[in-house]
């Protein structure tokens, strides 16, 4: 078993410890809108969404700080060919629609 397999097992154990945690902010919003979280879902979303955003930011910042200098050039990512606002809106809308469709189909399947 490689490092990826071990990381998957550890990640699965963490998810199980949190009772089926969601690590995608758009997923949290989509499941909230679809009503898949119960009556206390509004509070859960209000707490989880900022926590996920802060955690993601912290993860990226720690990655940038802990990467050795000789590998920093490998951290270059893709660049946008449109302005930042258009790219962010397109990414948000597409991710939300895809997640909402998938979560809605899961809710409908569970109800039938």
C-alpha atoms as a PDB file:
ATOM      1  CA  UNK A   1       0.000   0.000   0.000  1.00  0.00           C
ATOM      2  CA  UNK A   2       1.378   3.371  -0.980  1.00  0.00           C
ATOM      3  CA  UNK A   3       1.182   6.741   0.688  1.00  0.00           C
ATOM      4  CA  UNK A   4      -2.015   7.568  -1.230  1.00  0.00           C
ATOM      5  CA  UNK A   5      -3.734   4.457   0.087  1.00  0.00           C
ATOM      6  CA  UNK A   6      -2.670   5.230   3.628  1.00  0.00           C
ATOM      7  CA  UNK A   7      -3.866   8.822   3.264  1.00  0.00           C
ATOM      8  CA  UNK A   8      -7.239   7.552   2.000  1.00  0.00           C
ATOM      9  CA  UNK A   9      -7.610   5.263   5.007  1.00  0.00           C
ATOM     10  CA  UNK A  10      -6.708   8.041   7.453  1.00  0.00           C
ATOM     11  CA  UNK A  11      -9.078  10.452   5.684  1.00  0.00           C
ATOM     12  CA  UNK A  12     -11.856   7.840   5.857  1.00  0.00           C
ATOM     13  CA  UNK A  13     -11.282   7.356   9.575  1.00  0.00           C
ATOM     14  CA  UNK A  14     -11.465  11.127  10.147  1.00  0.00           C
ATOM     15  CA  UNK A  15     -14.713  11.332   8.163  1.00  0.00           C
ATOM     16  CA  UNK A  16     -16.181   8.447  10.168  1.00  0.00           C
ATOM     17  CA  UNK A  17     -15.119  10.120  13.424  1.00  0.00           C
ATOM     18  CA  UNK A  18     -17.054  13.243  12.418  1.00  0.00           C
ATOM     19  CA  UNK A  19     -20.123  11.202  11.507  1.00  0.00           C
ATOM     20  CA  UNK A  20     -19.895  11.586   7.726  1.00  0.00           C
ATOM     21  CA  UNK A  21     -18.238  14.964   7.442  1.00  0.00           C
ATOM     22  CA  UNK A  22     -18.468  17.097   4.332  1.00  0.00           C
ATOM     23  CA  UNK A  23     -15.285  18.805   3.187  1.00  0.00           C
ATOM     24  CA  UNK A  24     -16.792  20.743   0.295  1.00  0.00           C
ATOM     25  CA  UNK A  25     -18.389  24.093   1.065  1.00  0.00           C
ATOM     26  CA  UNK A  26     -20.617  23.956  -2.014  1.00  0.00           C
ATOM     27  CA  UNK A  27     -21.788  20.506  -0.914  1.00  0.00           C
ATOM     28  CA  UNK A  28     -22.793  21.907   2.465  1.00  0.00           C
ATOM     29  CA  UNK A  29     -24.839  24.661   0.821  1.00  0.00           C
ATOM     30  CA  UNK A  30     -26.430  22.337  -1.739  1.00  0.00           C
ATOM     31  CA  UNK A  31     -27.465  19.758   0.871  1.00  0.00           C
ATOM     32  CA  UNK A  32     -28.827  22.573   3.046  1.00  0.00           C
ATOM     33  CA  UNK A  33     -30.975  23.922   0.217  1.00  0.00           C
ATOM     34  CA  UNK A  34     -32.111  20.414  -0.713  1.00  0.00           C
ATOM     35  CA  UNK A  35     -33.246  19.920   2.895  1.00  0.00           C
ATOM     36  CA  UNK A  36     -31.070  16.872   3.455  1.00  0.00           C
ATOM     37  CA  UNK A  37     -29.818  17.972   6.874  1.00  0.00           C
ATOM     38  CA  UNK A  38     -32.924  18.106   9.044  1.00  0.00           C
ATOM     39  CA  UNK A  39     -34.344  20.957  11.117  1.00  0.00           C
ATOM     40  CA  UNK A  40     -31.054  22.223  12.555  1.00  0.00           C
ATOM     41  CA  UNK A  41     -29.436  22.435   9.121  1.00  0.00           C
ATOM     42  CA  UNK A  42     -29.429  26.252   9.030  1.00  0.00           C
ATOM     43  CA  UNK A  43     -27.221  26.474  12.101  1.00  0.00           C
ATOM     44  CA  UNK A  44     -25.032  23.665  10.837  1.00  0.00           C
ATOM     45  CA  UNK A  45     -24.526  25.441   7.512  1.00  0.00           C
ATOM     46  CA  UNK A  46     -23.873  28.768   9.242  1.00  0.00           C
ATOM     47  CA  UNK A  47     -21.075  27.164  11.261  1.00  0.00           C
ATOM     48  CA  UNK A  48     -19.684  24.687   8.729  1.00  0.00           C
ATOM     49  CA  UNK A  49     -19.362  27.046   5.763  1.00  0.00           C
ATOM     50  CA  UNK A  50     -17.045  29.586   7.452  1.00  0.00           C
ATOM     51  CA  UNK A  51     -15.118  26.764   9.163  1.00  0.00           C
ATOM     52  CA  UNK A  52     -14.505  25.048   5.823  1.00  0.00           C
ATOM     53  CA  UNK A  53     -13.419  28.306   4.179  1.00  0.00           C
ATOM     54  CA  UNK A  54     -11.016  29.118   7.026  1.00  0.00           C
ATOM     55  CA  UNK A  55      -9.631  25.566   7.027  1.00  0.00           C
ATOM     56  CA  UNK A  56      -9.051  25.598   3.271  1.00  0.00           C
ATOM     57  CA  UNK A  57      -7.255  28.934   3.503  1.00  0.00           C
ATOM     58  CA  UNK A  58      -5.129  27.673   6.384  1.00  0.00           C
ATOM     59  CA  UNK A  59      -4.239  24.523   4.461  1.00  0.00           C
ATOM     60  CA  UNK A  60      -3.057  26.473   1.436  1.00  0.00           C
ATOM     61  CA  UNK A  61      -1.088  28.915   3.582  1.00  0.00           C
ATOM     62  CA  UNK A  62       0.625  26.077   5.446  1.00  0.00           C
ATOM     63  CA  UNK A  63       1.405  24.320   2.166  1.00  0.00           C
ATOM     64  CA  UNK A  64       3.031  27.478   0.832  1.00  0.00           C
ATOM     65  CA  UNK A  65       5.038  27.974   4.030  1.00  0.00           C
ATOM     66  CA  UNK A  66       6.204  24.373   4.477  1.00  0.00           C
ATOM     67  CA  UNK A  67       7.175  23.633   0.877  1.00  0.00           C
ATOM     68  CA  UNK A  68      10.973  23.559   0.484  1.00  0.00           C
ATOM     69  CA  UNK A  69      12.462  26.348  -1.645  1.00  0.00           C
ATOM     70  CA  UNK A  70      13.657  23.990  -4.374  1.00  0.00           C
ATOM     71  CA  UNK A  71      10.040  22.853  -4.994  1.00  0.00           C
ATOM     72  CA  UNK A  72       8.297  26.258  -4.832  1.00  0.00           C
ATOM     73  CA  UNK A  73       8.393  26.592  -8.620  1.00  0.00           C
ATOM     74  CA  UNK A  74       6.159  23.498  -8.862  1.00  0.00           C
ATOM     75  CA  UNK A  75       3.319  25.243  -7.028  1.00  0.00           C
ATOM     76  CA  UNK A  76       2.349  27.338 -10.021  1.00  0.00           C
ATOM     77  CA  UNK A  77      -1.253  26.632 -10.835  1.00  0.00           C
ATOM     78  CA  UNK A  78      -3.523  27.288 -13.766  1.00  0.00           C
ATOM     79  CA  UNK A  79      -4.250  30.870 -14.744  1.00  0.00           C
ATOM     80  CA  UNK A  80      -7.524  32.446 -15.749  1.00  0.00           C
ATOM     81  CA  UNK A  81      -8.026  33.736 -19.263  1.00  0.00           C
ATOM     82  CA  UNK A  82     -10.856  35.976 -18.048  1.00  0.00           C
ATOM     83  CA  UNK A  83     -11.063  38.495 -15.225  1.00  0.00           C
ATOM     84  CA  UNK A  84     -11.170  37.176 -11.659  1.00  0.00           C
ATOM     85  CA  UNK A  85     -14.846  38.006 -11.006  1.00  0.00           C
ATOM     86  CA  UNK A  86     -16.057  36.223 -14.148  1.00  0.00           C
ATOM     87  CA  UNK A  87     -13.964  33.153 -13.322  1.00  0.00           C
ATOM     88  CA  UNK A  88     -15.183  33.055  -9.711  1.00  0.00           C
ATOM     89  CA  UNK A  89     -18.826  33.417 -10.736  1.00  0.00           C
ATOM     90  CA  UNK A  90     -18.512  30.720 -13.413  1.00  0.00           C
ATOM     91  CA  UNK A  91     -16.761  28.349 -10.989  1.00  0.00           C
ATOM     92  CA  UNK A  92     -19.309  28.962  -8.239  1.00  0.00           C
ATOM     93  CA  UNK A  93     -22.355  28.576 -10.487  1.00  0.00           C
ATOM     94  CA  UNK A  94     -21.092  25.429 -12.209  1.00  0.00           C
ATOM     95  CA  UNK A  95     -19.982  23.765  -8.978  1.00  0.00           C
ATOM     96  CA  UNK A  96     -23.250  24.646  -7.267  1.00  0.00           C
ATOM     97  CA  UNK A  97     -25.387  23.352 -10.153  1.00  0.00           C
ATOM     98  CA  UNK A  98     -23.464  20.090 -10.425  1.00  0.00           C
ATOM     99  CA  UNK A  99     -23.540  19.486  -6.660  1.00  0.00           C
ATOM    100  CA  UNK A 100     -27.193  20.514  -6.389  1.00  0.00           C
ATOM    101  CA  UNK A 101     -28.231  18.135  -9.174  1.00  0.00           C
ATOM    102  CA  UNK A 102     -26.298  15.247  -7.617  1.00  0.00           C
ATOM    103  CA  UNK A 103     -27.573  15.932  -4.091  1.00  0.00           C
ATOM    104  CA  UNK A 104     -31.149  16.405  -5.316  1.00  0.00           C
ATOM    105  CA  UNK A 105     -31.044  13.101  -7.156  1.00  0.00           C
ATOM    106  CA  UNK A 106     -29.732  11.397  -3.991  1.00  0.00           C
ATOM    107  CA  UNK A 107     -32.512  12.949  -1.896  1.00  0.00           C
ATOM    108  CA  UNK A 108     -35.167  11.925  -4.439  1.00  0.00           C
ATOM    109  CA  UNK A 109     -33.739   8.408  -4.589  1.00  0.00           C
ATOM    110  CA  UNK A 110     -33.752   8.139  -0.788  1.00  0.00           C
ATOM    111  CA  UNK A 111     -37.364   9.353  -0.588  1.00  0.00           C
ATOM    112  CA  UNK A 112     -38.713   6.860  -3.105  1.00  0.00           C
END
